[in-house]
N, C-alpha and C. Protein backbone atom coordinates (compact mmCIF):
# COMPACT_ATOMS: atom_id res chain seq x y z
N MET A 1 -13.79 130.25 190.88
CA MET A 1 -12.80 130.20 191.41
C MET A 1 -11.57 130.33 190.30
N ILE A 2 -11.15 131.04 190.49
CA ILE A 2 -9.73 131.19 189.70
C ILE A 2 -8.13 130.38 189.56
N LEU A 3 -7.91 129.80 188.26
CA LEU A 3 -6.79 128.65 188.37
C LEU A 3 -5.61 129.57 187.62
N GLU A 4 -4.57 129.52 188.03
CA GLU A 4 -3.06 130.06 187.52
C GLU A 4 -2.40 128.79 187.42
N GLY A 5 -1.45 128.65 186.06
CA GLY A 5 -0.58 127.39 185.65
C GLY A 5 -0.61 127.58 183.90
N ARG A 6 0.93 127.26 183.58
CA ARG A 6 0.90 127.31 182.74
C ARG A 6 1.36 128.27 182.15
N GLY A 7 0.96 129.53 182.99
CA GLY A 7 0.35 131.08 182.12
C GLY A 7 -0.58 131.34 181.94
N GLU A 8 -1.52 130.70 182.06
CA GLU A 8 -3.31 131.19 181.98
C GLU A 8 -3.64 131.75 183.24
N VAL A 9 -4.53 131.74 182.52
CA VAL A 9 -5.77 132.61 183.92
C VAL A 9 -7.02 132.64 183.58
N GLY A 10 -7.81 131.26 184.68
CA GLY A 10 -8.72 131.71 183.83
C GLY A 10 -10.10 131.62 184.62
N ALA A 11 -11.22 131.30 184.85
CA ALA A 11 -12.12 131.88 185.36
C ALA A 11 -12.83 129.64 185.64
N VAL A 12 -12.64 128.80 186.49
CA VAL A 12 -13.64 128.11 186.54
C VAL A 12 -14.95 127.68 187.46
N GLU A 13 -16.02 127.68 186.10
CA GLU A 13 -17.67 127.82 186.97
C GLU A 13 -17.97 126.85 187.27
N GLU A 14 -18.69 127.28 188.79
CA GLU A 14 -19.31 126.01 189.21
C GLU A 14 -20.39 125.74 188.56
N GLN A 15 -20.66 124.04 188.23
CA GLN A 15 -21.78 123.84 188.20
C GLN A 15 -23.62 124.37 188.62
N LYS A 16 -24.41 125.14 188.22
CA LYS A 16 -25.51 125.88 188.62
C LYS A 16 -26.19 124.27 188.58
N ILE A 17 -26.76 124.41 189.87
CA ILE A 17 -28.08 123.67 190.23
C ILE A 17 -29.18 124.22 190.12
N THR A 18 -30.01 124.28 189.00
CA THR A 18 -31.56 123.86 188.98
C THR A 18 -31.99 124.11 190.13
N ILE A 19 -33.11 125.08 190.87
CA ILE A 19 -34.10 125.08 191.26
C ILE A 19 -35.29 124.10 191.14
N ALA A 20 -36.15 123.45 190.03
CA ALA A 20 -36.60 122.16 190.15
C ALA A 20 -35.76 121.11 190.50
N ARG A 21 -33.55 120.62 189.86
CA ARG A 21 -33.03 119.77 190.72
C ARG A 21 -33.20 119.63 191.97
N ARG A 22 -33.21 121.08 193.13
CA ARG A 22 -32.39 121.00 194.25
C ARG A 22 -33.83 121.30 195.21
N GLU A 23 -35.46 121.17 194.35
CA GLU A 23 -36.43 120.69 195.37
C GLU A 23 -36.27 119.80 195.20
N ILE A 24 -35.77 118.74 194.42
CA ILE A 24 -36.61 117.19 194.40
C ILE A 24 -35.14 116.57 195.09
N GLU A 25 -34.59 117.29 195.14
CA GLU A 25 -32.69 116.80 196.38
C GLU A 25 -33.25 116.75 197.73
N ASP A 26 -33.20 117.77 197.76
CA ASP A 26 -34.26 118.62 199.73
C ASP A 26 -34.97 117.70 199.82
N ARG A 27 -36.19 117.42 199.15
CA ARG A 27 -37.47 116.00 199.53
C ARG A 27 -36.87 114.34 199.80
N TYR A 28 -36.53 114.66 198.10
CA TYR A 28 -36.40 113.17 198.16
C TYR A 28 -34.31 112.80 197.64
N GLY A 29 -33.72 113.49 198.68
CA GLY A 29 -32.48 112.74 198.92
C GLY A 29 -31.84 113.13 196.43
N LYS A 30 -30.18 112.62 197.49
CA LYS A 30 -29.27 112.53 195.52
C LYS A 30 -30.99 111.25 194.92
N ILE A 31 -30.21 111.82 193.99
CA ILE A 31 -31.05 110.43 193.08
C ILE A 31 -29.98 109.20 192.71
N GLY A 32 -30.64 107.93 192.95
CA GLY A 32 -29.74 106.75 193.55
C GLY A 32 -30.31 106.34 194.62
N ASP A 33 -30.33 107.70 195.79
CA ASP A 33 -30.16 107.15 196.83
C ASP A 33 -31.56 106.72 197.87
N GLY A 34 -31.99 106.04 196.83
CA GLY A 34 -33.54 105.68 197.90
C GLY A 34 -33.95 104.91 197.89
N LYS A 35 -34.84 103.76 197.85
CA LYS A 35 -35.15 102.34 198.21
C LYS A 35 -35.14 101.92 197.17
N LYS A 36 -34.84 101.02 196.80
CA LYS A 36 -35.07 99.56 195.74
C LYS A 36 -36.06 98.59 195.39
N ILE A 37 -36.60 98.67 197.35
CA ILE A 37 -37.60 97.60 197.88
C ILE A 37 -38.76 99.00 198.38
N LEU A 38 -39.70 98.92 198.64
CA LEU A 38 -41.20 99.55 200.01
C LEU A 38 -41.86 98.92 200.22
N PHE A 39 -42.16 99.24 201.56
CA PHE A 39 -43.08 98.52 201.89
C PHE A 39 -44.06 99.29 201.79
N VAL A 40 -45.12 99.18 200.99
CA VAL A 40 -46.24 100.23 201.33
C VAL A 40 -47.45 99.05 201.59
N ASN A 41 -48.11 99.71 203.28
CA ASN A 41 -49.02 99.12 203.91
C ASN A 41 -48.60 97.88 204.12
N GLY A 42 -46.85 97.74 204.25
CA GLY A 42 -46.40 96.18 205.04
C GLY A 42 -46.17 95.57 204.17
N VAL A 43 -46.80 95.49 202.67
CA VAL A 43 -46.08 94.66 201.85
C VAL A 43 -45.19 94.96 200.78
N PRO A 44 -43.48 94.34 200.78
CA PRO A 44 -42.39 95.41 200.36
C PRO A 44 -43.08 94.32 198.30
N MET A 45 -42.51 95.85 197.93
CA MET A 45 -42.76 96.02 196.69
C MET A 45 -41.49 96.28 195.68
N GLY A 46 -41.07 95.99 194.60
CA GLY A 46 -39.95 96.32 194.12
C GLY A 46 -40.38 97.48 193.08
N LEU A 47 -39.23 97.38 192.65
CA LEU A 47 -39.41 99.55 191.43
C LEU A 47 -40.93 99.04 190.43
N SER A 48 -40.11 97.58 189.97
CA SER A 48 -40.85 97.33 188.76
C SER A 48 -42.40 97.08 189.25
N THR A 49 -42.87 96.75 190.13
CA THR A 49 -44.01 95.94 190.48
C THR A 49 -44.84 97.32 191.02
N LEU A 50 -44.29 98.08 191.92
CA LEU A 50 -44.57 99.88 192.06
C LEU A 50 -45.14 100.32 190.96
N SER A 51 -44.31 100.58 190.16
CA SER A 51 -44.45 101.21 188.74
C SER A 51 -45.90 100.52 187.89
N ARG A 52 -45.64 99.40 188.25
CA ARG A 52 -46.55 98.89 187.67
C ARG A 52 -47.99 98.63 188.61
N ARG A 53 -47.58 98.90 189.71
CA ARG A 53 -49.65 98.95 190.72
C ARG A 53 -49.36 100.89 190.40
N LEU A 54 -49.13 101.63 190.37
CA LEU A 54 -49.18 103.12 189.82
C LEU A 54 -49.45 103.51 188.47
N ALA A 55 -49.51 102.18 187.57
CA ALA A 55 -49.76 102.56 186.17
C ALA A 55 -48.78 103.16 184.99
N LEU A 56 -47.26 103.01 186.06
CA LEU A 56 -46.40 103.88 185.41
C LEU A 56 -45.58 102.93 184.65
N GLN A 57 -45.30 101.40 184.24
CA GLN A 57 -44.99 100.80 183.18
C GLN A 57 -45.11 100.78 182.15
N PHE A 58 -44.46 102.02 181.54
CA PHE A 58 -44.10 102.22 180.06
C PHE A 58 -42.64 101.52 179.73
N SER A 59 -42.43 101.40 178.09
CA SER A 59 -40.57 101.06 178.19
C SER A 59 -40.23 102.53 177.98
N ASP A 60 -40.80 103.62 178.09
CA ASP A 60 -40.16 105.21 178.39
C ASP A 60 -39.88 105.44 178.93
N LEU A 61 -40.71 105.06 180.39
CA LEU A 61 -39.79 105.17 182.22
C LEU A 61 -39.58 104.40 182.78
N VAL A 62 -38.66 103.94 183.11
CA VAL A 62 -37.28 103.48 184.18
C VAL A 62 -37.35 103.79 185.58
N PRO A 63 -37.95 103.35 186.12
CA PRO A 63 -37.81 103.69 187.72
C PRO A 63 -36.20 103.92 188.52
N ILE A 64 -36.26 104.31 189.57
CA ILE A 64 -34.82 104.83 189.63
C ILE A 64 -34.87 104.54 191.33
N ASP A 65 -35.85 104.63 192.15
CA ASP A 65 -35.75 104.57 193.51
C ASP A 65 -36.56 104.82 193.90
N ALA A 66 -37.42 104.60 195.43
CA ALA A 66 -38.74 105.06 196.34
C ALA A 66 -38.64 105.59 197.62
N GLY A 67 -39.26 105.81 198.24
CA GLY A 67 -39.19 105.94 199.82
C GLY A 67 -40.70 106.82 200.77
N GLU A 68 -40.22 106.70 201.43
CA GLU A 68 -41.42 107.28 202.48
C GLU A 68 -40.91 108.79 202.90
N LEU A 69 -42.41 109.38 202.96
CA LEU A 69 -41.95 111.12 203.42
C LEU A 69 -42.78 111.19 205.25
N ALA A 70 -41.90 112.00 205.63
CA ALA A 70 -42.64 111.43 206.97
C ALA A 70 -44.38 111.80 207.24
N ASP A 71 -44.91 112.98 206.33
CA ASP A 71 -46.52 112.39 206.60
C ASP A 71 -47.27 111.11 206.06
N GLY A 72 -46.45 110.36 205.79
CA GLY A 72 -47.22 108.46 205.34
C GLY A 72 -47.06 108.45 204.10
N THR A 73 -46.95 109.46 203.68
CA THR A 73 -47.03 108.88 201.92
C THR A 73 -45.61 108.42 201.09
N TYR A 74 -45.66 108.06 199.75
CA TYR A 74 -44.97 108.16 199.27
C TYR A 74 -43.67 108.23 198.52
N TRP A 75 -42.83 108.00 197.36
CA TRP A 75 -42.57 108.66 196.82
C TRP A 75 -42.28 107.40 195.44
N LEU A 76 -41.88 107.20 194.51
CA LEU A 76 -41.07 107.05 193.26
C LEU A 76 -40.80 108.15 192.07
N ARG A 77 -39.37 107.61 191.54
CA ARG A 77 -38.88 108.45 191.09
C ARG A 77 -38.60 107.60 189.98
N ILE A 78 -38.81 107.71 188.99
CA ILE A 78 -38.08 107.21 187.87
C ILE A 78 -37.88 108.79 186.57
N TYR A 79 -37.76 108.15 185.57
CA TYR A 79 -36.75 108.54 184.74
C TYR A 79 -37.41 108.61 183.71
N ASP A 80 -38.64 109.98 182.56
CA ASP A 80 -38.58 109.43 181.98
C ASP A 80 -38.05 110.01 180.38
N ASN A 81 -37.68 109.16 179.39
CA ASN A 81 -36.78 109.05 178.52
C ASN A 81 -37.71 109.57 177.46
N GLU A 82 -38.55 110.16 177.37
CA GLU A 82 -39.57 110.86 176.37
C GLU A 82 -39.23 112.27 176.43
N GLN A 83 -39.46 112.75 177.96
CA GLN A 83 -39.60 114.05 177.84
C GLN A 83 -37.95 114.22 178.69
N ARG A 84 -37.35 112.98 178.40
CA ARG A 84 -36.27 112.88 179.52
C ARG A 84 -36.25 114.22 180.25
N LYS A 85 -36.46 114.01 181.79
CA LYS A 85 -37.12 114.19 182.67
C LYS A 85 -37.10 113.11 183.68
N VAL A 86 -36.33 113.48 184.83
CA VAL A 86 -36.41 112.84 185.76
C VAL A 86 -37.66 114.14 187.40
N MET A 87 -38.62 112.55 186.90
CA MET A 87 -39.69 112.84 187.66
C MET A 87 -39.85 111.70 188.78
N VAL A 88 -40.46 112.54 189.77
CA VAL A 88 -40.97 112.13 191.98
C VAL A 88 -42.49 112.50 191.42
N VAL A 89 -43.29 111.06 191.61
CA VAL A 89 -44.39 110.99 191.94
C VAL A 89 -44.84 110.75 193.78
N GLU A 90 -45.89 111.75 194.18
CA GLU A 90 -46.07 110.64 195.49
C GLU A 90 -47.14 110.72 195.48
N PHE A 91 -47.60 109.18 196.42
CA PHE A 91 -48.81 109.39 196.07
C PHE A 91 -49.48 108.14 198.21
N ASP A 92 -50.88 108.22 197.77
CA ASP A 92 -51.20 107.96 199.29
C ASP A 92 -50.75 105.75 199.49
N ARG A 93 -51.30 105.52 200.45
CA ARG A 93 -51.40 103.97 200.61
C ARG A 93 -52.37 103.71 199.69
N GLU A 94 -53.32 104.66 199.48
CA GLU A 94 -54.57 103.55 198.61
C GLU A 94 -53.85 103.91 196.96
N TYR A 95 -51.98 103.83 197.30
CA TYR A 95 -51.75 104.44 195.50
C TYR A 95 -53.08 105.05 195.22
N GLY A 96 -53.18 106.62 194.94
CA GLY A 96 -53.52 107.47 194.76
C GLY A 96 -52.99 108.39 195.20
N PHE A 97 -52.29 109.78 193.61
CA PHE A 97 -51.16 110.34 193.53
C PHE A 97 -51.33 111.43 194.11
N THR A 98 -50.19 112.08 194.81
CA THR A 98 -50.58 113.03 195.55
C THR A 98 -49.98 114.39 194.81
N GLY A 99 -49.16 114.28 194.59
CA GLY A 99 -47.84 115.31 193.76
C GLY A 99 -47.45 114.32 192.60
N GLU A 100 -46.56 115.42 192.44
CA GLU A 100 -45.42 115.63 190.73
C GLU A 100 -44.18 116.65 190.89
N ARG A 101 -43.63 116.48 190.70
CA ARG A 101 -42.67 116.97 190.47
C ARG A 101 -41.51 116.35 189.08
N GLY A 102 -40.59 117.25 189.03
CA GLY A 102 -39.97 116.87 187.16
C GLY A 102 -38.51 118.03 187.00
N ALA A 103 -38.10 117.55 186.82
CA ALA A 103 -36.72 118.27 186.47
C ALA A 103 -36.08 117.36 185.23
N ASP A 104 -35.49 118.71 184.08
CA ASP A 104 -35.02 118.36 183.43
C ASP A 104 -33.88 116.85 183.58
N ILE A 105 -33.00 116.51 182.55
CA ILE A 105 -32.15 115.15 182.88
C ILE A 105 -30.42 116.08 182.80
N MET A 106 -30.95 117.56 181.75
CA MET A 106 -29.64 118.02 181.64
C MET A 106 -29.32 119.04 182.76
N ASP A 107 -30.13 119.25 183.94
CA ASP A 107 -29.85 119.41 185.31
C ASP A 107 -28.92 118.18 185.78
N TRP A 108 -28.91 117.29 185.46
CA TRP A 108 -27.84 116.59 185.97
C TRP A 108 -26.49 115.69 185.12
N LEU A 109 -26.38 115.60 184.27
CA LEU A 109 -26.11 115.01 183.14
C LEU A 109 -24.97 116.61 182.65
N GLY A 110 -25.34 117.78 181.98
CA GLY A 110 -24.38 118.69 182.26
C GLY A 110 -24.34 118.76 180.51
N ASP A 111 -23.35 118.89 180.56
CA ASP A 111 -22.77 118.75 178.20
C ASP A 111 -22.48 118.05 178.54
N ASP A 112 -22.96 116.24 179.35
CA ASP A 112 -22.49 115.43 178.82
C ASP A 112 -24.14 115.01 178.75
N TYR A 113 -24.99 115.53 178.64
CA TYR A 113 -26.40 115.28 177.78
C TYR A 113 -25.95 115.51 176.29
N PHE A 114 -25.12 116.16 175.84
CA PHE A 114 -24.99 116.31 174.55
C PHE A 114 -24.35 115.04 173.78
N ARG A 115 -23.29 114.39 174.70
CA ARG A 115 -22.69 112.93 174.11
C ARG A 115 -23.38 112.23 174.70
N ILE A 116 -23.90 111.27 175.19
CA ILE A 116 -24.55 110.46 175.52
C ILE A 116 -26.05 109.58 173.75
N ARG A 117 -25.37 108.61 173.47
CA ARG A 117 -26.12 108.15 173.12
C ARG A 117 -27.75 108.27 173.51
N TRP A 118 -28.46 108.25 172.88
CA TRP A 118 -30.05 108.22 173.22
C TRP A 118 -30.35 107.29 173.62
N ARG A 119 -31.34 106.23 174.23
CA ARG A 119 -31.88 105.87 173.40
C ARG A 119 -33.10 105.21 175.18
N ALA A 120 -33.82 103.85 175.04
CA ALA A 120 -34.21 103.66 176.38
C ALA A 120 -33.27 103.42 177.55
N PHE A 121 -32.32 104.35 177.75
CA PHE A 121 -31.29 104.56 178.39
C PHE A 121 -32.08 104.70 180.07
N CYS A 122 -31.55 104.48 180.95
CA CYS A 122 -31.65 105.78 182.27
C CYS A 122 -30.38 105.79 182.81
N PRO A 123 -29.77 106.87 182.71
CA PRO A 123 -28.71 106.17 183.13
C PRO A 123 -28.98 106.29 185.15
N ALA A 124 -29.63 106.11 186.19
CA ALA A 124 -29.48 106.17 187.13
C ALA A 124 -30.42 104.86 186.99
N GLY A 125 -30.71 103.59 186.67
CA GLY A 125 -31.65 102.84 186.10
C GLY A 125 -30.97 101.76 186.54
N GLY A 126 -31.49 100.37 185.76
CA GLY A 126 -30.59 99.15 186.10
C GLY A 126 -29.14 99.28 185.90
N GLU A 127 -28.54 100.65 185.55
CA GLU A 127 -27.27 100.54 185.23
C GLU A 127 -26.37 101.70 186.25
N GLU A 128 -25.66 101.81 186.13
CA GLU A 128 -24.86 102.81 187.30
C GLU A 128 -25.41 104.84 187.17
N TRP A 129 -24.93 105.25 187.87
CA TRP A 129 -24.97 106.74 187.54
C TRP A 129 -24.52 107.10 186.56
N LEU A 130 -24.49 107.19 185.46
CA LEU A 130 -23.38 107.21 184.13
C LEU A 130 -22.60 106.68 184.25
N GLY A 131 -23.00 105.33 184.40
CA GLY A 131 -22.47 104.16 183.98
C GLY A 131 -21.22 103.72 182.74
N ALA A 132 -20.38 102.92 183.41
CA ALA A 132 -19.94 102.18 181.60
C ALA A 132 -20.14 102.85 180.60
N ASP A 133 -21.23 102.56 180.66
CA ASP A 133 -22.01 102.32 179.04
C ASP A 133 -22.75 103.75 178.59
N ALA A 134 -22.25 104.45 179.22
CA ALA A 134 -22.73 106.21 178.69
C ALA A 134 -21.82 106.68 177.80
N SER A 135 -20.21 105.37 178.80
CA SER A 135 -18.82 106.63 178.20
C SER A 135 -18.62 104.99 177.03
N ARG A 136 -18.89 104.27 176.96
CA ARG A 136 -18.56 103.20 175.96
C ARG A 136 -18.31 103.61 174.59
N VAL A 137 -17.87 103.92 173.73
CA VAL A 137 -17.98 103.98 171.99
C VAL A 137 -18.56 102.64 171.81
N LYS A 138 -18.38 103.24 169.84
CA LYS A 138 -19.14 101.64 169.28
C LYS A 138 -18.21 100.43 169.27
N GLY A 139 -18.45 99.67 169.11
CA GLY A 139 -17.32 98.35 168.85
C GLY A 139 -16.64 97.91 170.57
N GLY A 140 -17.37 98.32 171.38
CA GLY A 140 -17.28 98.09 172.66
C GLY A 140 -16.11 98.19 173.38
N LYS A 141 -14.80 98.86 172.66
CA LYS A 141 -13.65 99.71 173.28
C LYS A 141 -14.27 101.04 174.77
């Protein structure tokens, strides 16, 4: 797209979506659009309980959302702070892993990745996706 204004002409580049991000969004939906409570074998489980059941409860792994696939398997999307990736694990009714996909967090954040003060933080976890916490400056302003 070319923009003209104030005597300047410049090109605005659309954000490129990587293959890894596209595969994740095509299969599981946009980040944060999944369920917060998943019924596995008829038993309701919150994301923290589900993470514990799958042995994925570590301080650097933050559950984002979950869902069920058409073939009867389930998925859990997490943010891995150590690898700085959005990961999705697929599992069956017995909680056995059947697949895994991952994409770098930069695929979602772009240049904002370099402006975030990284800590044990997930842009889509208990906070809103790119919520106010990511834009706060020191001093709470």
